[in-house]
Amino acid sequence: MIKIKTFTSTLRIFHVHSELMTLDKEVNDFLQSNGIKKIVSVSDSTTSTHGDTMGIIRVIAYEE
């Protein structure tokens, strides 16, 4: 059965690298703690207001 999980993070100027590293760690911790072996899809999308990027949404599809 394929399941979907969504992760989000805000992006602040001059902090983007550390925020992306934190998001990566959150996703990896989720995968490891739930024993997920097969990832079907990973997708990133940004959120914006008036042309300024404000955050990121990462969606993973996986099989348990």
PDB file of N, CA and C in Angstrom:
ATOM      1  N   MET A   1       0.831  -1.168   0.000  1.00  0.00           N
ATOM      2  CA  MET A   1       0.000   0.000   0.000  1.00  0.00           C
ATOM      3  C   MET A   1       0.890   1.251   0.000  1.00  0.00           C
ATOM      4  N   ILE A   2       0.611   2.167  -0.890  1.00  0.00           N
ATOM      5  CA  ILE A   2       1.376   3.412  -0.986  1.00  0.00           C
ATOM      6  C   ILE A   2       0.765   4.450  -0.048  1.00  0.00           C
ATOM      7  N   LYS A   3       1.632   5.109   0.712  1.00  0.00           N
ATOM      8  CA  LYS A   3       1.208   6.164   1.627  1.00  0.00           C
ATOM      9  C   LYS A   3       1.937   7.451   1.270  1.00  0.00           C
ATOM     10  N   ILE A   4       1.363   8.570   1.715  1.00  0.00           N
ATOM     11  CA  ILE A   4       1.914   9.900   1.445  1.00  0.00           C
ATOM     12  C   ILE A   4       2.196  10.592   2.776  1.00  0.00           C
ATOM     13  N   LYS A   5       3.328  11.272   2.867  1.00  0.00           N
ATOM     14  CA  LYS A   5       3.667  12.065   4.052  1.00  0.00           C
ATOM     15  C   LYS A   5       4.192  13.413   3.582  1.00  0.00           C
ATOM     16  N   THR A   6       3.732  14.475   4.233  1.00  0.00           N
ATOM     17  CA  THR A   6       4.121  15.835   3.876  1.00  0.00           C
ATOM     18  C   THR A   6       4.935  16.459   5.008  1.00  0.00           C
ATOM     19  N   PHE A   7       6.005  17.139   4.635  1.00  0.00           N
ATOM     20  CA  PHE A   7       6.851  17.859   5.581  1.00  0.00           C
ATOM     21  C   PHE A   7       6.920  19.311   5.109  1.00  0.00           C
ATOM     22  N   THR A   8       6.988  20.245   6.051  1.00  0.00           N
ATOM     23  CA  THR A   8       7.078  21.659   5.680  1.00  0.00           C
ATOM     24  C   THR A   8       8.183  22.339   6.486  1.00  0.00           C
ATOM     25  N   SER A   9       8.675  23.427   5.935  1.00  0.00           N
ATOM     26  CA  SER A   9       9.673  24.240   6.621  1.00  0.00           C
ATOM     27  C   SER A   9       9.578  25.670   6.111  1.00  0.00           C
ATOM     28  N   THR A  10       9.747  26.616   7.010  1.00  0.00           N
ATOM     29  CA  THR A  10       9.831  28.007   6.585  1.00  0.00           C
ATOM     30  C   THR A  10      11.256  28.273   6.113  1.00  0.00           C
ATOM     31  N   LEU A  11      11.404  29.223   5.231  1.00  0.00           N
ATOM     32  CA  LEU A  11      12.722  29.592   4.732  1.00  0.00           C
ATOM     33  C   LEU A  11      12.958  31.064   5.051  1.00  0.00           C
ATOM     34  N   ARG A  12      13.967  31.314   5.880  1.00  0.00           N
ATOM     35  CA  ARG A  12      14.326  32.683   6.242  1.00  0.00           C
ATOM     36  C   ARG A  12      15.640  33.051   5.549  1.00  0.00           C
ATOM     37  N   ILE A  13      15.738  34.275   5.151  1.00  0.00           N
ATOM     38  CA  ILE A  13      16.935  34.740   4.470  1.00  0.00           C
ATOM     39  C   ILE A  13      18.167  34.498   5.357  1.00  0.00           C
ATOM     40  N   PHE A  14      19.232  34.058   4.752  1.00  0.00           N
ATOM     41  CA  PHE A  14      20.507  33.739   5.391  1.00  0.00           C
ATOM     42  C   PHE A  14      20.460  32.478   6.265  1.00  0.00           C
ATOM     43  N   HIS A  15      19.334  31.779   6.306  1.00  0.00           N
ATOM     44  CA  HIS A  15      19.216  30.561   7.106  1.00  0.00           C
ATOM     45  C   HIS A  15      18.763  29.368   6.262  1.00  0.00           C
ATOM     46  N   VAL A  16      18.671  29.541   4.967  1.00  0.00           N
ATOM     47  CA  VAL A  16      18.086  28.525   4.093  1.00  0.00           C
ATOM     48  C   VAL A  16      18.861  27.211   4.155  1.00  0.00           C
ATOM     49  N   HIS A  17      20.166  27.270   4.122  1.00  0.00           N
ATOM     50  CA  HIS A  17      20.952  26.034   4.123  1.00  0.00           C
ATOM     51  C   HIS A  17      20.669  25.209   5.379  1.00  0.00           C
ATOM     52  N   SER A  18      20.719  25.832   6.525  1.00  0.00           N
ATOM     53  CA  SER A  18      20.479  25.090   7.769  1.00  0.00           C
ATOM     54  C   SER A  18      19.037  24.593   7.857  1.00  0.00           C
ATOM     55  N   GLU A  19      18.092  25.346   7.334  1.00  0.00           N
ATOM     56  CA  GLU A  19      16.693  24.913   7.350  1.00  0.00           C
ATOM     57  C   GLU A  19      16.475  23.716   6.429  1.00  0.00           C
ATOM     58  N   LEU A  20      17.145  23.703   5.276  1.00  0.00           N
ATOM     59  CA  LEU A  20      17.053  22.552   4.375  1.00  0.00           C
ATOM     60  C   LEU A  20      17.721  21.326   4.983  1.00  0.00           C
ATOM     61  N   MET A  21      18.831  21.512   5.673  1.00  0.00           N
ATOM     62  CA  MET A  21      19.492  20.394   6.353  1.00  0.00           C
ATOM     63  C   MET A  21      18.588  19.836   7.455  1.00  0.00           C
ATOM     64  N   THR A  22      17.900  20.706   8.170  1.00  0.00           N
ATOM     65  CA  THR A  22      16.966  20.266   9.213  1.00  0.00           C
ATOM     66  C   THR A  22      15.802  19.502   8.602  1.00  0.00           C
ATOM     67  N   LEU A  23      15.297  19.967   7.473  1.00  0.00           N
ATOM     68  CA  LEU A  23      14.203  19.278   6.778  1.00  0.00           C
ATOM     69  C   LEU A  23      14.662  17.890   6.319  1.00  0.00           C
ATOM     70  N   ASP A  24      15.863  17.803   5.751  1.00  0.00           N
ATOM     71  CA  ASP A  24      16.413  16.514   5.332  1.00  0.00           C
ATOM     72  C   ASP A  24      16.516  15.554   6.519  1.00  0.00           C
ATOM     73  N   LYS A  25      16.984  16.058   7.646  1.00  0.00           N
ATOM     74  CA  LYS A  25      17.111  15.222   8.841  1.00  0.00           C
ATOM     75  C   LYS A  25      15.748  14.745   9.322  1.00  0.00           C
ATOM     76  N   GLU A  26      14.757  15.628   9.307  1.00  0.00           N
ATOM     77  CA  GLU A  26      13.405  15.254   9.725  1.00  0.00           C
ATOM     78  C   GLU A  26      12.847  14.135   8.854  1.00  0.00           C
ATOM     79  N   VAL A  27      13.031  14.258   7.547  1.00  0.00           N
ATOM     80  CA  VAL A  27      12.545  13.231   6.614  1.00  0.00           C
ATOM     81  C   VAL A  27      13.295  11.919   6.842  1.00  0.00           C
ATOM     82  N   ASN A  28      14.613  11.977   6.949  1.00  0.00           N
ATOM     83  CA  ASN A  28      15.408  10.765   7.165  1.00  0.00           C
ATOM     84  C   ASN A  28      15.067  10.081   8.481  1.00  0.00           C
ATOM     85  N   ASP A  29      14.854  10.873   9.534  1.00  0.00           N
ATOM     86  CA  ASP A  29      14.459  10.302  10.823  1.00  0.00           C
ATOM     87  C   ASP A  29      13.106   9.597  10.724  1.00  0.00           C
ATOM     88  N   PHE A  30      12.164  10.204   9.991  1.00  0.00           N
ATOM     89  CA  PHE A  30      10.855   9.584   9.794  1.00  0.00           C
ATOM     90  C   PHE A  30      10.994   8.251   9.075  1.00  0.00           C
ATOM     91  N   LEU A  31      11.775   8.233   8.004  1.00  0.00           N
ATOM     92  CA  LEU A  31      11.961   7.004   7.231  1.00  0.00           C
ATOM     93  C   LEU A  31      12.614   5.911   8.070  1.00  0.00           C
ATOM     94  N   GLN A  32      13.623   6.287   8.827  1.00  0.00           N
ATOM     95  CA  GLN A  32      14.342   5.311   9.635  1.00  0.00           C
ATOM     96  C   GLN A  32      13.492   4.796  10.794  1.00  0.00           C
ATOM     97  N   SER A  33      12.802   5.686  11.486  1.00  0.00           N
ATOM     98  CA  SER A  33      12.023   5.270  12.652  1.00  0.00           C
ATOM     99  C   SER A  33      10.815   4.426  12.287  1.00  0.00           C
ATOM    100  N   ASN A  34      10.333   4.542  11.053  1.00  0.00           N
ATOM    101  CA  ASN A  34       9.186   3.763  10.614  1.00  0.00           C
ATOM    102  C   ASN A  34       9.576   2.557   9.766  1.00  0.00           C
ATOM    103  N   GLY A  35      10.867   2.333   9.613  1.00  0.00           N
ATOM    104  CA  GLY A  35      11.352   1.164   8.887  1.00  0.00           C
ATOM    105  C   GLY A  35      10.954   1.135   7.420  1.00  0.00           C
ATOM    106  N   ILE A  36      10.851   2.302   6.804  1.00  0.00           N
ATOM    107  CA  ILE A  36      10.439   2.387   5.402  1.00  0.00           C
ATOM    108  C   ILE A  36      11.620   2.016   4.512  1.00  0.00           C
ATOM    109  N   LYS A  37      11.399   1.056   3.629  1.00  0.00           N
ATOM    110  CA  LYS A  37      12.459   0.539   2.756  1.00  0.00           C
ATOM    111  C   LYS A  37      12.329   1.013   1.311  1.00  0.00           C
ATOM    112  N   LYS A  38      11.101   1.381   0.893  1.00  0.00           N
ATOM    113  CA  LYS A  38      10.903   1.730  -0.514  1.00  0.00           C
ATOM    114  C   LYS A  38      10.234   3.100  -0.645  1.00  0.00           C
ATOM    115  N   ILE A  39      10.944   4.012  -1.294  1.00  0.00           N
ATOM    116  CA  ILE A  39      10.416   5.346  -1.599  1.00  0.00           C
ATOM    117  C   ILE A  39       9.949   5.328  -3.047  1.00  0.00           C
ATOM    118  N   VAL A  40       8.716   5.747  -3.271  1.00  0.00           N
ATOM    119  CA  VAL A  40       8.162   5.776  -4.620  1.00  0.00           C
ATOM    120  C   VAL A  40       8.448   7.119  -5.284  1.00  0.00           C
ATOM    121  N   SER A  41       8.315   8.210  -4.499  1.00  0.00           N
ATOM    122  CA  SER A  41       8.464   9.540  -5.080  1.00  0.00           C
ATOM    123  C   SER A  41       8.828  10.547  -3.998  1.00  0.00           C
ATOM    124  N   VAL A  42       9.638  11.546  -4.385  1.00  0.00           N
ATOM    125  CA  VAL A  42       9.945  12.688  -3.519  1.00  0.00           C
ATOM    126  C   VAL A  42       9.741  13.936  -4.361  1.00  0.00           C
ATOM    127  N   SER A  43       9.016  14.900  -3.797  1.00  0.00           N
ATOM    128  CA  SER A  43       8.735  16.118  -4.539  1.00  0.00           C
ATOM    129  C   SER A  43       8.858  17.327  -3.615  1.00  0.00           C
ATOM    130  N   ASP A  44       9.548  18.364  -4.074  1.00  0.00           N
ATOM    131  CA  ASP A  44       9.661  19.615  -3.333  1.00  0.00           C
ATOM    132  C   ASP A  44       8.947  20.715  -4.100  1.00  0.00           C
ATOM    133  N   SER A  45       8.295  21.582  -3.342  1.00  0.00           N
ATOM    134  CA  SER A  45       7.630  22.737  -3.929  1.00  0.00           C
ATOM    135  C   SER A  45       7.788  23.904  -2.971  1.00  0.00           C
ATOM    136  N   THR A  46       7.940  25.088  -3.503  1.00  0.00           N
ATOM    137  CA  THR A  46       8.086  26.258  -2.640  1.00  0.00           C
ATOM    138  C   THR A  46       6.769  27.008  -2.526  1.00  0.00           C
ATOM    139  N   THR A  47       6.616  27.696  -1.418  1.00  0.00           N
ATOM    140  CA  THR A  47       5.477  28.586  -1.220  1.00  0.00           C
ATOM    141  C   THR A  47       6.000  30.015  -1.312  1.00  0.00           C
ATOM    142  N   SER A  48       5.174  30.903  -1.829  1.00  0.00           N
ATOM    143  CA  SER A  48       5.648  32.274  -1.990  1.00  0.00           C
ATOM    144  C   SER A  48       4.526  33.274  -1.758  1.00  0.00           C
ATOM    145  N   THR A  49       4.955  34.477  -1.428  1.00  0.00           N
ATOM    146  CA  THR A  49       4.055  35.606  -1.265  1.00  0.00           C
ATOM    147  C   THR A  49       4.663  36.778  -2.028  1.00  0.00           C
ATOM    148  N   HIS A  50       3.945  37.310  -2.983  1.00  0.00           N
ATOM    149  CA  HIS A  50       4.408  38.464  -3.771  1.00  0.00           C
ATOM    150  C   HIS A  50       5.779  38.215  -4.393  1.00  0.00           C
ATOM    151  N   GLY A  51       6.040  36.987  -4.809  1.00  0.00           N
ATOM    152  CA  GLY A  51       7.285  36.652  -5.480  1.00  0.00           C
ATOM    153  C   GLY A  51       8.422  36.250  -4.556  1.00  0.00           C
ATOM    154  N   ASP A  52       8.236  36.392  -3.245  1.00  0.00           N
ATOM    155  CA  ASP A  52       9.271  36.008  -2.284  1.00  0.00           C
ATOM    156  C   ASP A  52       9.013  34.589  -1.788  1.00  0.00           C
ATOM    157  N   THR A  53      10.027  33.740  -1.836  1.00  0.00           N
ATOM    158  CA  THR A  53       9.881  32.373  -1.344  1.00  0.00           C
ATOM    159  C   THR A  53       9.823  32.398   0.176  1.00  0.00           C
ATOM    160  N   MET A  54       8.762  31.797   0.714  1.00  0.00           N
ATOM    161  CA  MET A  54       8.535  31.828   2.160  1.00  0.00           C
ATOM    162  C   MET A  54       8.739  30.471   2.825  1.00  0.00           C
ATOM    163  N   GLY A  55       8.594  29.384   2.066  1.00  0.00           N
ATOM    164  CA  GLY A  55       8.705  28.065   2.668  1.00  0.00           C
ATOM    165  C   GLY A  55       8.855  26.986   1.626  1.00  0.00           C
ATOM    166  N   ILE A  56       8.990  25.766   2.119  1.00  0.00           N
ATOM    167  CA  ILE A  56       9.130  24.615   1.235  1.00  0.00           C
ATOM    168  C   ILE A  56       8.236  23.500   1.754  1.00  0.00           C
ATOM    169  N   ILE A  57       7.660  22.768   0.827  1.00  0.00           N
ATOM    170  CA  ILE A  57       6.836  21.607   1.143  1.00  0.00           C
ATOM    171  C   ILE A  57       7.483  20.409   0.457  1.00  0.00           C
ATOM    172  N   ARG A  58       7.781  19.379   1.233  1.00  0.00           N
ATOM    173  CA  ARG A  58       8.348  18.145   0.685  1.00  0.00           C
ATOM    174  C   ARG A  58       7.326  17.029   0.891  1.00  0.00           C
ATOM    175  N   VAL A  59       6.986  16.357  -0.200  1.00  0.00           N
ATOM    176  CA  VAL A  59       6.022  15.263  -0.163  1.00  0.00           C
ATOM    177  C   VAL A  59       6.735  13.980  -0.566  1.00  0.00           C
ATOM    178  N   ILE A  60       6.578  12.939   0.258  1.00  0.00           N
ATOM    179  CA  ILE A  60       7.144  11.648  -0.108  1.00  0.00           C
ATOM    180  C   ILE A  60       6.027  10.635  -0.213  1.00  0.00           C
ATOM    181  N   ALA A  61       6.144   9.783  -1.209  1.00  0.00           N
ATOM    182  CA  ALA A  61       5.242   8.642  -1.366  1.00  0.00           C
ATOM    183  C   ALA A  61       6.098   7.408  -1.096  1.00  0.00           C
ATOM    184  N   TYR A  62       5.591   6.516  -0.267  1.00  0.00           N
ATOM    185  CA  TYR A  62       6.372   5.362   0.140  1.00  0.00           C
ATOM    186  C   TYR A  62       5.495   4.139   0.341  1.00  0.00           C
ATOM    187  N   GLU A  63       6.153   3.000   0.363  1.00  0.00           N
ATOM    188  CA  GLU A  63       5.472   1.744   0.662  1.00  0.00           C
ATOM    189  C   GLU A  63       5.979   1.224   1.998  1.00  0.00           C
ATOM    190  N   GLU A  64       5.051   0.703   2.797  1.00  0.00           N
ATOM    191  CA  GLU A  64       5.448   0.135   4.091  1.00  0.00           C
ATOM    192  C   GLU A  64       5.741  -1.333   3.942  1.00  0.00           C
TER     193      GLU A  64
END
